[in-house]
PDB file of N, CA and C in Angstrom:
ATOM      1  N   MET A   1      14.132   3.246 -11.303  1.00  0.00           N
ATOM      2  CA  MET A   1      13.978   2.082 -10.466  1.00  0.00           C
ATOM      3  C   MET A   1      14.189   2.441  -8.999  1.00  0.00           C
ATOM      4  N   ARG A   2      14.990   3.450  -8.754  1.00  0.00           N
ATOM      5  CA  ARG A   2      15.257   3.880  -7.383  1.00  0.00           C
ATOM      6  C   ARG A   2      13.971   4.359  -6.713  1.00  0.00           C
ATOM      7  N   ILE A   3      13.137   5.111  -7.449  1.00  0.00           N
ATOM      8  CA  ILE A   3      11.882   5.605  -6.882  1.00  0.00           C
ATOM      9  C   ILE A   3      10.942   4.437  -6.576  1.00  0.00           C
ATOM     10  N   THR A   4      10.971   3.411  -7.417  1.00  0.00           N
ATOM     11  CA  THR A   4      10.121   2.244  -7.195  1.00  0.00           C
ATOM     12  C   THR A   4      10.457   1.574  -5.878  1.00  0.00           C
ATOM     13  N   SER A   5      11.727   1.363  -5.630  1.00  0.00           N
ATOM     14  CA  SER A   5      12.145   0.723  -4.379  1.00  0.00           C
ATOM     15  C   SER A   5      11.741   1.555  -3.177  1.00  0.00           C
ATOM     16  N   ALA A   6      11.922   2.847  -3.275  1.00  0.00           N
ATOM     17  CA  ALA A   6      11.555   3.728  -2.163  1.00  0.00           C
ATOM     18  C   ALA A   6      10.059   3.694  -1.912  1.00  0.00           C
ATOM     19  N   LEU A   7       9.269   3.719  -2.977  1.00  0.00           N
ATOM     20  CA  LEU A   7       7.806   3.673  -2.831  1.00  0.00           C
ATOM     21  C   LEU A   7       7.344   2.350  -2.241  1.00  0.00           C
ATOM     22  N   LEU A   8       7.934   1.265  -2.710  1.00  0.00           N
ATOM     23  CA  LEU A   8       7.553  -0.042  -2.190  1.00  0.00           C
ATOM     24  C   LEU A   8       7.865  -0.146  -0.703  1.00  0.00           C
ATOM     25  N   ALA A   9       9.026   0.317  -0.322  1.00  0.00           N
ATOM     26  CA  ALA A   9       9.408   0.263   1.092  1.00  0.00           C
ATOM     27  C   ALA A   9       8.500   1.141   1.933  1.00  0.00           C
ATOM     28  N   LEU A  10       8.229   2.339   1.461  1.00  0.00           N
ATOM     29  CA  LEU A  10       7.369   3.260   2.189  1.00  0.00           C
ATOM     30  C   LEU A  10       5.966   2.704   2.359  1.00  0.00           C
ATOM     31  N   ALA A  11       5.414   2.183   1.300  1.00  0.00           N
ATOM     32  CA  ALA A  11       4.065   1.634   1.363  1.00  0.00           C
ATOM     33  C   ALA A  11       4.008   0.433   2.306  1.00  0.00           C
ATOM     34  N   ALA A  12       4.977  -0.440   2.203  1.00  0.00           N
ATOM     35  CA  ALA A  12       4.990  -1.625   3.066  1.00  0.00           C
ATOM     36  C   ALA A  12       5.095  -1.238   4.534  1.00  0.00           C
ATOM     37  N   ILE A  13       5.978  -0.316   4.830  1.00  0.00           N
ATOM     38  CA  ILE A  13       6.157   0.120   6.215  1.00  0.00           C
ATOM     39  C   ILE A  13       4.884   0.768   6.735  1.00  0.00           C
ATOM     40  N   GLY A  14       4.317   1.643   5.962  1.00  0.00           N
ATOM     41  CA  GLY A  14       3.107   2.339   6.391  1.00  0.00           C
ATOM     42  C   GLY A  14       1.940   1.410   6.596  1.00  0.00           C
ATOM     43  N   PHE A  15       1.715   0.520   5.648  1.00  0.00           N
ATOM     44  CA  PHE A  15       0.570  -0.370   5.750  1.00  0.00           C
ATOM     45  C   PHE A  15       0.759  -1.420   6.832  1.00  0.00           C
ATOM     46  N   LEU A  16       1.914  -2.009   6.902  1.00  0.00           N
ATOM     47  CA  LEU A  16       2.127  -3.056   7.893  1.00  0.00           C
ATOM     48  C   LEU A  16       2.251  -2.490   9.303  1.00  0.00           C
ATOM     49  N   ALA A  17       2.687  -1.249   9.426  1.00  0.00           N
ATOM     50  CA  ALA A  17       2.756  -0.626  10.746  1.00  0.00           C
ATOM     51  C   ALA A  17       1.358  -0.453  11.328  1.00  0.00           C
ATOM     52  N   ALA A  18       0.376  -0.324  10.459  1.00  0.00           N
ATOM     53  CA  ALA A  18      -0.996  -0.138  10.919  1.00  0.00           C
ATOM     54  C   ALA A  18      -1.673  -1.462  11.275  1.00  0.00           C
ATOM     55  N   CYS A  19      -1.023  -2.558  11.029  1.00  0.00           N
ATOM     56  CA  CYS A  19      -1.618  -3.875  11.259  1.00  0.00           C
ATOM     57  C   CYS A  19      -1.333  -4.374  12.669  1.00  0.00           C
ATOM     58  N   SER A  20      -2.379  -4.616  13.423  1.00  0.00           N
ATOM     59  CA  SER A  20      -2.176  -5.205  14.733  1.00  0.00           C
ATOM     60  C   SER A  20      -3.250  -6.232  15.072  1.00  0.00           C
ATOM     61  N   GLY A  21      -4.315  -6.259  14.340  1.00  0.00           N
ATOM     62  CA  GLY A  21      -5.330  -7.282  14.554  1.00  0.00           C
ATOM     63  C   GLY A  21      -6.673  -6.719  14.967  1.00  0.00           C
ATOM     64  N   GLU A  22      -7.682  -6.908  14.163  1.00  0.00           N
ATOM     65  CA  GLU A  22      -9.061  -6.557  14.457  1.00  0.00           C
ATOM     66  C   GLU A  22      -9.925  -7.676  13.937  1.00  0.00           C
ATOM     67  N   GLU A  23     -11.244  -7.506  13.969  1.00  0.00           N
ATOM     68  CA  GLU A  23     -12.115  -8.608  13.612  1.00  0.00           C
ATOM     69  C   GLU A  23     -12.347  -8.794  12.114  1.00  0.00           C
ATOM     70  N   VAL A  24     -12.797  -7.799  11.400  1.00  0.00           N
ATOM     71  CA  VAL A  24     -13.148  -7.965   9.996  1.00  0.00           C
ATOM     72  C   VAL A  24     -11.908  -8.048   9.119  1.00  0.00           C
ATOM     73  N   CYS A  25     -11.003  -7.148   9.282  1.00  0.00           N
ATOM     74  CA  CYS A  25      -9.763  -7.152   8.518  1.00  0.00           C
ATOM     75  C   CYS A  25      -8.672  -7.702   9.443  1.00  0.00           C
ATOM     76  N   THR A  26      -8.367  -8.962   9.264  1.00  0.00           N
ATOM     77  CA  THR A  26      -7.383  -9.611  10.124  1.00  0.00           C
ATOM     78  C   THR A  26      -5.969  -9.230   9.726  1.00  0.00           C
ATOM     79  N   THR A  27      -5.036  -9.500  10.589  1.00  0.00           N
ATOM     80  CA  THR A  27      -3.634  -9.254  10.282  1.00  0.00           C
ATOM     81  C   THR A  27      -3.223 -10.038   9.051  1.00  0.00           C
ATOM     82  N   GLU A  28      -3.676 -11.277   8.964  1.00  0.00           N
ATOM     83  CA  GLU A  28      -3.338 -12.116   7.809  1.00  0.00           C
ATOM     84  C   GLU A  28      -3.886 -11.519   6.514  1.00  0.00           C
ATOM     85  N   LEU A  29      -5.128 -11.029   6.562  1.00  0.00           N
ATOM     86  CA  LEU A  29      -5.723 -10.414   5.377  1.00  0.00           C
ATOM     87  C   LEU A  29      -4.962  -9.145   5.001  1.00  0.00           C
ATOM     88  N   ALA A  30      -4.618  -8.334   5.984  1.00  0.00           N
ATOM     89  CA  ALA A  30      -3.866  -7.110   5.713  1.00  0.00           C
ATOM     90  C   ALA A  30      -2.504  -7.434   5.118  1.00  0.00           C
ATOM     91  N   GLN A  31      -1.850  -8.458   5.617  1.00  0.00           N
ATOM     92  CA  GLN A  31      -0.545  -8.844   5.074  1.00  0.00           C
ATOM     93  C   GLN A  31      -0.684  -9.335   3.636  1.00  0.00           C
ATOM     94  N   LYS A  32      -1.762 -10.082   3.358  1.00  0.00           N
ATOM     95  CA  LYS A  32      -1.998 -10.534   1.987  1.00  0.00           C
ATOM     96  C   LYS A  32      -2.250  -9.348   1.066  1.00  0.00           C
ATOM     97  N   LYS A  33      -3.055  -8.406   1.542  1.00  0.00           N
ATOM     98  CA  LYS A  33      -3.327  -7.209   0.747  1.00  0.00           C
ATOM     99  C   LYS A  33      -2.032  -6.438   0.483  1.00  0.00           C
ATOM    100  N   ALA A  34      -1.180  -6.334   1.492  1.00  0.00           N
ATOM    101  CA  ALA A  34       0.091  -5.626   1.328  1.00  0.00           C
ATOM    102  C   ALA A  34       0.973  -6.337   0.304  1.00  0.00           C
ATOM    103  N   THR A  35       1.004  -7.653   0.366  1.00  0.00           N
ATOM    104  CA  THR A  35       1.791  -8.431  -0.598  1.00  0.00           C
ATOM    105  C   THR A  35       1.242  -8.249  -2.006  1.00  0.00           C
ATOM    106  N   ASP A  36      -0.080  -8.339  -2.148  1.00  0.00           N
ATOM    107  CA  ASP A  36      -0.713  -8.148  -3.461  1.00  0.00           C
ATOM    108  C   ASP A  36      -0.443  -6.747  -3.999  1.00  0.00           C
ATOM    109  N   LEU A  37      -0.512  -5.764  -3.117  1.00  0.00           N
ATOM    110  CA  LEU A  37      -0.261  -4.392  -3.526  1.00  0.00           C
ATOM    111  C   LEU A  37       1.181  -4.211  -3.979  1.00  0.00           C
ATOM    112  N   MET A  38       2.122  -4.765  -3.243  1.00  0.00           N
ATOM    113  CA  MET A  38       3.531  -4.659  -3.622  1.00  0.00           C
ATOM    114  C   MET A  38       3.778  -5.340  -4.968  1.00  0.00           C
ATOM    115  N   THR A  39       3.145  -6.489  -5.180  1.00  0.00           N
ATOM    116  CA  THR A  39       3.286  -7.196  -6.453  1.00  0.00           C
ATOM    117  C   THR A  39       2.751  -6.342  -7.594  1.00  0.00           C
ATOM    118  N   LYS A  40       1.575  -5.747  -7.375  1.00  0.00           N
ATOM    119  CA  LYS A  40       0.980  -4.898  -8.412  1.00  0.00           C
ATOM    120  C   LYS A  40       1.849  -3.680  -8.683  1.00  0.00           C
ATOM    121  N   MET A  41       2.413  -3.086  -7.630  1.00  0.00           N
ATOM    122  CA  MET A  41       3.277  -1.924  -7.820  1.00  0.00           C
ATOM    123  C   MET A  41       4.525  -2.312  -8.619  1.00  0.00           C
ATOM    124  N   GLN A  42       5.050  -3.494  -8.378  1.00  0.00           N
ATOM    125  CA  GLN A  42       6.205  -3.960  -9.130  1.00  0.00           C
ATOM    126  C   GLN A  42       5.849  -4.176 -10.593  1.00  0.00           C
ATOM    127  N   GLU A  43       4.658  -4.725 -10.849  1.00  0.00           N
ATOM    128  CA  GLU A  43       4.193  -4.913 -12.221  1.00  0.00           C
ATOM    129  C   GLU A  43       4.070  -3.574 -12.938  1.00  0.00           C
ATOM    130  N   VAL A  44       3.446  -2.606 -12.280  1.00  0.00           N
ATOM    131  CA  VAL A  44       3.278  -1.283 -12.884  1.00  0.00           C
ATOM    132  C   VAL A  44       4.637  -0.639 -13.105  1.00  0.00           C
ATOM    133  N   ALA A  45       5.546  -0.782 -12.160  1.00  0.00           N
ATOM    134  CA  ALA A  45       6.888  -0.212 -12.313  1.00  0.00           C
ATOM    135  C   ALA A  45       7.611  -0.811 -13.512  1.00  0.00           C
ATOM    136  N   ALA A  46       7.417  -2.106 -13.723  1.00  0.00           N
ATOM    137  CA  ALA A  46       8.085  -2.783 -14.831  1.00  0.00           C
ATOM    138  C   ALA A  46       7.488  -2.407 -16.179  1.00  0.00           C
ATOM    139  N   THR A  47       6.183  -2.130 -16.210  1.00  0.00           N
ATOM    140  CA  THR A  47       5.518  -1.849 -17.478  1.00  0.00           C
ATOM    141  C   THR A  47       5.301  -0.364 -17.749  1.00  0.00           C
ATOM    142  N   ASP A  48       5.163   0.422 -16.692  1.00  0.00           N
ATOM    143  CA  ASP A  48       4.870   1.846 -16.864  1.00  0.00           C
ATOM    144  C   ASP A  48       5.382   2.644 -15.661  1.00  0.00           C
ATOM    145  N   ALA A  49       6.694   2.818 -15.622  1.00  0.00           N
ATOM    146  CA  ALA A  49       7.325   3.511 -14.494  1.00  0.00           C
ATOM    147  C   ALA A  49       6.819   4.944 -14.358  1.00  0.00           C
ATOM    148  N   ALA A  50       6.492   5.586 -15.469  1.00  0.00           N
ATOM    149  CA  ALA A  50       5.985   6.962 -15.419  1.00  0.00           C
ATOM    150  C   ALA A  50       4.652   7.011 -14.675  1.00  0.00           C
ATOM    151  N   ARG A  51       3.817   6.019 -14.894  1.00  0.00           N
ATOM    152  CA  ARG A  51       2.521   5.973 -14.205  1.00  0.00           C
ATOM    153  C   ARG A  51       2.722   5.769 -12.705  1.00  0.00           C
ATOM    154  N   LEU A  52       3.667   4.919 -12.352  1.00  0.00           N
ATOM    155  CA  LEU A  52       3.937   4.708 -10.936  1.00  0.00           C
ATOM    156  C   LEU A  52       4.455   5.998 -10.309  1.00  0.00           C
ATOM    157  N   ALA A  53       5.288   6.729 -11.021  1.00  0.00           N
ATOM    158  CA  ALA A  53       5.792   8.006 -10.515  1.00  0.00           C
ATOM    159  C   ALA A  53       4.650   8.998 -10.325  1.00  0.00           C
ATOM    160  N   GLU A  54       3.670   8.967 -11.235  1.00  0.00           N
ATOM    161  CA  GLU A  54       2.485   9.821 -11.096  1.00  0.00           C
ATOM    162  C   GLU A  54       1.706   9.478  -9.833  1.00  0.00           C
ATOM    163  N   LEU A  55       1.648   8.197  -9.516  1.00  0.00           N
ATOM    164  CA  LEU A  55       0.891   7.731  -8.353  1.00  0.00           C
ATOM    165  C   LEU A  55       1.680   7.857  -7.052  1.00  0.00           C
ATOM    166  N   ALA A  56       2.948   8.207  -7.129  1.00  0.00           N
ATOM    167  CA  ALA A  56       3.798   8.284  -5.937  1.00  0.00           C
ATOM    168  C   ALA A  56       3.197   9.137  -4.822  1.00  0.00           C
ATOM    169  N   PRO A  57       2.713  10.342  -5.111  1.00  0.00           N
ATOM    170  CA  PRO A  57       2.124  11.141  -4.019  1.00  0.00           C
ATOM    171  C   PRO A  57       0.932  10.450  -3.368  1.00  0.00           C
ATOM    172  N   LYS A  58       0.113   9.784  -4.157  1.00  0.00           N
ATOM    173  CA  LYS A  58      -1.053   9.081  -3.623  1.00  0.00           C
ATOM    174  C   LYS A  58      -0.607   7.915  -2.736  1.00  0.00           C
ATOM    175  N   VAL A  59       0.408   7.176  -3.168  1.00  0.00           N
ATOM    176  CA  VAL A  59       0.937   6.058  -2.380  1.00  0.00           C
ATOM    177  C   VAL A  59       1.468   6.581  -1.052  1.00  0.00           C
ATOM    178  N   GLN A  60       2.216   7.660  -1.112  1.00  0.00           N
ATOM    179  CA  GLN A  60       2.784   8.232   0.109  1.00  0.00           C
ATOM    180  C   GLN A  60       1.686   8.713   1.051  1.00  0.00           C
ATOM    181  N   GLU A  61       0.665   9.341   0.499  1.00  0.00           N
ATOM    182  CA  GLU A  61      -0.447   9.837   1.310  1.00  0.00           C
ATOM    183  C   GLU A  61      -1.189   8.685   1.991  1.00  0.00           C
ATOM    184  N   LEU A  62      -1.488   7.638   1.228  1.00  0.00           N
ATOM    185  CA  LEU A  62      -2.193   6.496   1.793  1.00  0.00           C
ATOM    186  C   LEU A  62      -1.356   5.787   2.853  1.00  0.00           C
ATOM    187  N   ALA A  63      -0.064   5.649   2.599  1.00  0.00           N
ATOM    188  CA  ALA A  63       0.815   5.008   3.578  1.00  0.00           C
ATOM    189  C   ALA A  63       0.890   5.838   4.853  1.00  0.00           C
ATOM    190  N   ALA A  64       0.994   7.145   4.705  1.00  0.00           N
ATOM    191  CA  ALA A  64       1.052   8.028   5.872  1.00  0.00           C
ATOM    192  C   ALA A  64      -0.256   7.977   6.659  1.00  0.00           C
ATOM    193  N   ASN A  65      -1.380   7.987   5.944  1.00  0.00           N
ATOM    194  CA  ASN A  65      -2.683   7.910   6.609  1.00  0.00           C
ATOM    195  C   ASN A  65      -2.853   6.592   7.352  1.00  0.00           C
ATOM    196  N   ALA A  66      -2.447   5.500   6.728  1.00  0.00           N
ATOM    197  CA  ALA A  66      -2.563   4.190   7.367  1.00  0.00           C
ATOM    198  C   ALA A  66      -1.679   4.122   8.599  1.00  0.00           C
ATOM    199  N   SER A  67      -0.495   4.672   8.489  1.00  0.00           N
ATOM    200  CA  SER A  67       0.434   4.666   9.615  1.00  0.00           C
ATOM    201  C   SER A  67      -0.091   5.537  10.751  1.00  0.00           C
ATOM    202  N   ALA A  68      -0.701   6.658  10.416  1.00  0.00           N
ATOM    203  CA  ALA A  68      -1.239   7.577  11.425  1.00  0.00           C
ATOM    204  C   ALA A  68      -2.429   6.972  12.162  1.00  0.00           C
ATOM    205  N   GLN A  69      -3.088   6.014  11.567  1.00  0.00           N
ATOM    206  CA  GLN A  69      -4.244   5.384  12.204  1.00  0.00           C
ATOM    207  C   GLN A  69      -3.822   4.430  13.313  1.00  0.00           C
ATOM    208  N   GLY A  70      -2.527   4.221  13.454  1.00  0.00           N
ATOM    209  CA  GLY A  70      -2.026   3.344  14.506  1.00  0.00           C
ATOM    210  C   GLY A  70      -2.449   1.911  14.299  1.00  0.00           C
ATOM    211  N   ASP A  71      -3.235   1.392  15.225  1.00  0.00           N
ATOM    212  CA  ASP A  71      -3.622  -0.015  15.135  1.00  0.00           C
ATOM    213  C   ASP A  71      -4.991  -0.224  14.498  1.00  0.00           C
ATOM    214  N   ASP A  72      -5.474   0.748  13.728  1.00  0.00           N
ATOM    215  CA  ASP A  72      -6.752   0.627  13.033  1.00  0.00           C
ATOM    216  C   ASP A  72      -6.552  -0.185  11.758  1.00  0.00           C
ATOM    217  N   LEU A  73      -6.728  -1.469  11.877  1.00  0.00           N
ATOM    218  CA  LEU A  73      -6.509  -2.381  10.769  1.00  0.00           C
ATOM    219  C   LEU A  73      -7.495  -2.144   9.633  1.00  0.00           C
ATOM    220  N   GLN A  74      -8.723  -1.761   9.985  1.00  0.00           N
ATOM    221  CA  GLN A  74      -9.729  -1.456   8.963  1.00  0.00           C
ATOM    222  C   GLN A  74      -9.244  -0.329   8.052  1.00  0.00           C
ATOM    223  N   ALA A  75      -8.657   0.692   8.640  1.00  0.00           N
ATOM    224  CA  ALA A  75      -8.151   1.820   7.850  1.00  0.00           C
ATOM    225  C   ALA A  75      -7.017   1.374   6.939  1.00  0.00           C
ATOM    226  N   ALA A  76      -6.156   0.511   7.431  1.00  0.00           N
ATOM    227  CA  ALA A  76      -5.043   0.010   6.621  1.00  0.00           C
ATOM    228  C   ALA A  76      -5.568  -0.789   5.433  1.00  0.00           C
ATOM    229  N   CYS A  77      -6.534  -1.667   5.690  1.00  0.00           N
ATOM    230  CA  CYS A  77      -7.108  -2.462   4.599  1.00  0.00           C
ATOM    231  C   CYS A  77      -7.809  -1.575   3.576  1.00  0.00           C
ATOM    232  N   LYS A  78      -8.530  -0.579   4.070  1.00  0.00           N
ATOM    233  CA  LYS A  78      -9.227   0.338   3.167  1.00  0.00           C
ATOM    234  C   LYS A  78      -8.222   1.104   2.302  1.00  0.00           C
ATOM    235  N   ALA A  79      -7.144   1.570   2.910  1.00  0.00           N
ATOM    236  CA  ALA A  79      -6.118   2.302   2.164  1.00  0.00           C
ATOM    237  C   ALA A  79      -5.491   1.423   1.085  1.00  0.00           C
ATOM    238  N   MET A  80      -5.217   0.179   1.423  1.00  0.00           N
ATOM    239  CA  MET A  80      -4.632  -0.734   0.433  1.00  0.00           C
ATOM    240  C   MET A  80      -5.610  -1.027  -0.686  1.00  0.00           C
ATOM    241  N   ASP A  81      -6.888  -1.167  -0.353  1.00  0.00           N
ATOM    242  CA  ASP A  81      -7.903  -1.382  -1.388  1.00  0.00           C
ATOM    243  C   ASP A  81      -7.984  -0.186  -2.326  1.00  0.00           C
ATOM    244  N   GLU A  82      -7.911   1.019  -1.769  1.00  0.00           N
ATOM    245  CA  GLU A  82      -7.964   2.229  -2.592  1.00  0.00           C
ATOM    246  C   GLU A  82      -6.753   2.315  -3.510  1.00  0.00           C
ATOM    247  N   MET A  83      -5.584   1.982  -2.996  1.00  0.00           N
ATOM    248  CA  MET A  83      -4.389   2.044  -3.819  1.00  0.00           C
ATOM    249  C   MET A  83      -4.429   0.987  -4.917  1.00  0.00           C
ATOM    250  N   MET A  84      -4.902  -0.204  -4.578  1.00  0.00           N
ATOM    251  CA  MET A  84      -5.024  -1.260  -5.600  1.00  0.00           C
ATOM    252  C   MET A  84      -5.976  -0.803  -6.703  1.00  0.00           C
ATOM    253  N   ALA A  85      -7.071  -0.151  -6.321  1.00  0.00           N
ATOM    254  CA  ALA A  85      -8.015   0.364  -7.310  1.00  0.00           C
ATOM    255  C   ALA A  85      -7.346   1.382  -8.230  1.00  0.00           C
ATOM    256  N   GLU A  86      -6.518   2.250  -7.660  1.00  0.00           N
ATOM    257  CA  GLU A  86      -5.793   3.240  -8.463  1.00  0.00           C
ATOM    258  C   GLU A  86      -4.851   2.558  -9.448  1.00  0.00           C
ATOM    259  N   LEU A  87      -4.173   1.523  -8.987  1.00  0.00           N
ATOM    260  CA  LEU A  87      -3.195   0.839  -9.823  1.00  0.00           C
ATOM    261  C   LEU A  87      -3.830   0.021 -10.929  1.00  0.00           C
ATOM    262  N   THR A  88      -5.049  -0.422 -10.730  1.00  0.00           N
ATOM    263  CA  THR A  88      -5.700  -1.259 -11.741  1.00  0.00           C
ATOM    264  C   THR A  88      -6.558  -0.480 -12.722  1.00  0.00           C
ATOM    265  N   LYS A  89      -6.614   0.830 -12.567  1.00  0.00           N
ATOM    266  CA  LYS A  89      -7.402   1.659 -13.503  1.00  0.00           C
ATOM    267  C   LYS A  89      -6.780   1.629 -14.870  1.00  0.00           C
TER     268      LYS A  89
END
């Protein structure tokens, strides 16, 4: 459970740090995506913690990439969409 909390915090910080406001992917949409992603990660952690641990490097990579994009909201939304796709496979 400790790894789950760390991953959730890391992902939230990375994705929300990249949110500042653009036209297609709004701050509100990015925040909703982040909330949905955190909810899905919690569901996966509760049902299959081993799978979430397997995805940990991918979550960290996507969060780091989104954070590195600075205020590129499109990149943050794309990263969250990719992670959601991974979690729903």
